Amino acid sequence: MSLYSFKIIDLSDEINVSFKIRKKVFCEEQRISEEIEFDNLDHLCEHFLIYKKGEAIGTARVRKKEDHLFKIERVAVLVEYRKLKVGSLLINEIINYYLKKNKKISIMLHSQVAVEDFYKSLNFTPYGDRFLEDGILHIAMKHLN
C-alpha cells in the first residue's frame, strides 16, 4: 500500500475525519439521515481510515457482535476514489488486521445490494434474505476465511 496508508483510529480528533467522510457519502450522497448514520454505536467500534498522500479518503468501523464475530460497518470511500480499488484495500486491511489477531474469528457485514458484487470479489458470500436497512435494500454477507 505504498501510495496509501491505513490507520486504526480512536475516538479522538481523527474520529471527526471519519465522521466527515461518512456524512458526505451516506447523508449527502445517499440521503440517509444523520440520526440513522450516527447511531450512538461508534464508542463500541474500532475505526479505520485509509489515506492517500496524507488525505483521508475512506473509512470503516468494526463492531464486535460476539466473542468471535465481528461486523464491518459504515464503509465509505469518497466518490473520486471509488474506482481505484481503495475500498478493496480498506476491507482487505481490516480483514488482515482481525485475522492476525485470531484466525478463528468470523467477519460479516450488511452490504447494500447495489455493491454486493464488490464484496463477493473480496471473498464474502451472501446468506439469508434481502432486507431493508435505513430504507436501502441490503443482504447479509460473511467472509470466507
Protein backbone atom coordinates (compact mmCIF):
# COMPACT_ATOMS: atom_id res chain seq x y z
CA MET A 1 0.00 0.00 0.00
CA SER A 2 2.81 2.45 -0.84
CA LEU A 3 0.55 5.15 -2.28
CA TYR A 4 -1.97 4.56 0.50
CA SER A 5 -1.67 4.29 4.26
CA PHE A 6 -4.04 2.57 6.64
CA LYS A 7 -4.66 3.67 10.21
CA ILE A 8 -6.66 2.48 13.19
CA ILE A 9 -8.04 5.50 14.99
CA ASP A 10 -9.62 6.12 18.36
CA LEU A 11 -12.38 8.46 19.45
CA SER A 12 -10.04 11.46 19.44
CA ASP A 13 -9.78 14.21 16.84
CA GLU A 14 -9.34 11.74 13.97
CA ILE A 15 -12.81 10.31 14.52
CA ASN A 16 -14.16 13.60 13.18
CA VAL A 17 -12.32 12.90 9.92
CA SER A 18 -14.13 9.57 9.69
CA PHE A 19 -17.46 11.22 10.53
CA LYS A 20 -16.91 13.84 7.81
CA ILE A 21 -16.41 11.13 5.16
CA ARG A 22 -19.45 9.20 6.39
CA LYS A 23 -21.59 12.34 6.39
CA LYS A 24 -20.56 13.15 2.83
CA VAL A 25 -21.13 9.61 1.49
CA PHE A 26 -24.18 8.48 3.45
CA CYS A 27 -26.02 11.66 4.42
CA GLU A 28 -25.31 13.89 1.44
CA GLU A 29 -24.96 11.38 -1.43
CA GLN A 30 -27.36 8.65 -0.28
CA ARG A 31 -29.74 10.89 1.69
CA ILE A 32 -29.55 8.83 4.89
CA SER A 33 -30.48 10.92 7.91
CA GLU A 34 -27.76 11.89 10.34
CA GLU A 35 -29.82 10.33 13.16
CA ILE A 36 -29.59 6.94 11.45
CA GLU A 37 -25.98 7.29 10.29
CA PHE A 38 -24.67 8.41 13.68
CA ASP A 39 -26.38 5.69 15.68
CA ASN A 40 -24.59 6.00 19.03
CA LEU A 41 -22.64 2.78 18.43
CA ASP A 42 -19.34 4.39 17.47
CA HIS A 43 -18.00 4.12 21.00
CA LEU A 44 -18.38 0.31 20.72
CA CYS A 45 -16.35 0.09 17.50
CA GLU A 46 -12.81 0.17 16.19
CA HIS A 47 -12.45 2.78 13.47
CA PHE A 48 -10.24 2.75 10.38
CA LEU A 49 -9.11 5.34 7.88
CA ILE A 50 -7.30 4.99 4.58
CA TYR A 51 -5.19 7.90 3.37
CA LYS A 52 -3.70 8.88 0.04
CA LYS A 53 -0.73 11.22 0.41
CA GLY A 54 -1.94 12.32 3.84
CA GLU A 55 -5.57 12.93 2.81
CA ALA A 56 -8.24 10.72 4.38
CA ILE A 57 -10.25 9.20 1.52
CA GLY A 58 -12.10 6.27 3.11
CA THR A 59 -13.29 4.92 6.41
CA ALA A 60 -14.99 1.98 8.09
CA ARG A 61 -15.78 0.76 11.55
CA VAL A 62 -15.89 -2.73 13.04
CA ARG A 63 -18.13 -3.79 15.88
CA LYS A 64 -17.69 -6.94 17.94
CA LYS A 65 -21.01 -8.80 17.88
CA GLU A 66 -19.96 -11.93 19.80
CA ASP A 67 -16.69 -13.41 21.07
CA HIS A 68 -15.52 -14.48 17.62
CA LEU A 69 -17.85 -12.48 15.37
CA PHE A 70 -17.00 -9.04 14.02
CA LYS A 71 -19.18 -6.88 11.77
CA ILE A 72 -17.72 -4.40 9.30
CA GLU A 73 -19.94 -1.33 9.15
CA ARG A 74 -20.13 2.18 7.69
CA VAL A 75 -17.70 1.54 4.82
CA ALA A 76 -17.40 4.84 2.97
CA VAL A 77 -14.98 5.93 0.25
CA LEU A 78 -15.04 9.40 -1.29
CA VAL A 79 -16.61 9.24 -4.76
CA GLU A 80 -13.48 10.30 -6.65
CA TYR A 81 -11.60 7.26 -5.28
CA ARG A 82 -14.23 4.53 -5.72
CA LYS A 83 -12.95 3.11 -8.99
CA LEU A 84 -9.33 2.97 -7.77
CA LYS A 85 -9.63 -0.16 -5.57
CA VAL A 86 -9.44 1.94 -2.39
CA GLY A 87 -12.46 0.13 -0.92
CA SER A 88 -10.81 -3.22 -1.63
CA LEU A 89 -7.61 -2.10 0.06
CA LEU A 90 -9.52 -0.85 3.09
CA ILE A 91 -11.59 -4.03 3.51
CA ASN A 92 -8.57 -6.30 2.97
CA GLU A 93 -6.55 -4.37 5.56
CA ILE A 94 -9.38 -4.69 8.07
CA ILE A 95 -9.75 -8.42 7.42
CA ASN A 96 -5.99 -8.98 7.74
CA TYR A 97 -5.89 -6.95 10.95
CA TYR A 98 -8.51 -9.14 12.62
CA LEU A 99 -7.25 -12.45 11.24
CA LYS A 100 -3.74 -11.67 12.52
CA LYS A 101 -5.26 -11.33 15.99
CA ASN A 102 -7.19 -14.60 15.74
CA LYS A 103 -7.58 -16.89 12.72
CA LYS A 104 -10.74 -18.42 14.22
CA ILE A 105 -12.89 -15.30 14.04
CA SER A 106 -15.75 -14.67 11.64
CA ILE A 107 -16.26 -11.41 9.81
CA MET A 108 -19.62 -10.33 8.42
CA LEU A 109 -21.35 -7.25 7.09
CA HIS A 110 -24.62 -5.98 5.71
CA SER A 111 -23.99 -4.99 2.10
CA GLN A 112 -26.16 -2.68 0.10
CA VAL A 113 -27.43 -4.90 -2.72
CA ALA A 114 -26.03 -2.40 -5.24
CA VAL A 115 -22.47 -3.27 -4.11
CA GLU A 116 -22.96 -6.97 -3.35
CA ASP A 117 -20.65 -7.98 -6.23
CA PHE A 118 -17.90 -5.78 -4.80
CA TYR A 119 -17.98 -7.76 -1.56
CA LYS A 120 -18.23 -11.07 -3.44
CA SER A 121 -14.96 -10.12 -5.14
CA LEU A 122 -13.42 -9.84 -1.66
CA ASN A 123 -14.46 -13.38 -0.69
CA PHE A 124 -17.74 -12.54 1.05
CA THR A 125 -20.75 -14.74 0.41
CA PRO A 126 -24.39 -13.74 0.93
CA TYR A 127 -26.70 -15.54 3.32
CA GLY A 128 -30.33 -15.12 4.27
CA ASP A 129 -32.95 -12.96 2.62
CA ARG A 130 -32.57 -9.40 1.42
CA PHE A 131 -33.88 -6.79 3.82
CA LEU A 132 -34.37 -3.06 4.14
CA GLU A 133 -31.94 -1.22 6.36
CA ASP A 134 -32.18 2.54 6.56
CA GLY A 135 -34.55 2.43 3.56
CA ILE A 136 -31.95 0.72 1.33
CA LEU A 137 -32.05 -2.93 0.22
CA HIS A 138 -29.29 -4.98 1.92
CA ILE A 139 -28.02 -8.54 2.13
CA ALA A 140 -26.07 -10.13 4.99
CA MET A 141 -22.67 -11.47 3.93
CA LYS A 142 -19.92 -13.43 5.66
CA HIS A 143 -16.25 -13.57 4.82
CA LEU A 144 -14.87 -16.95 3.81
CA ASN A 145 -11.53 -17.09 5.65
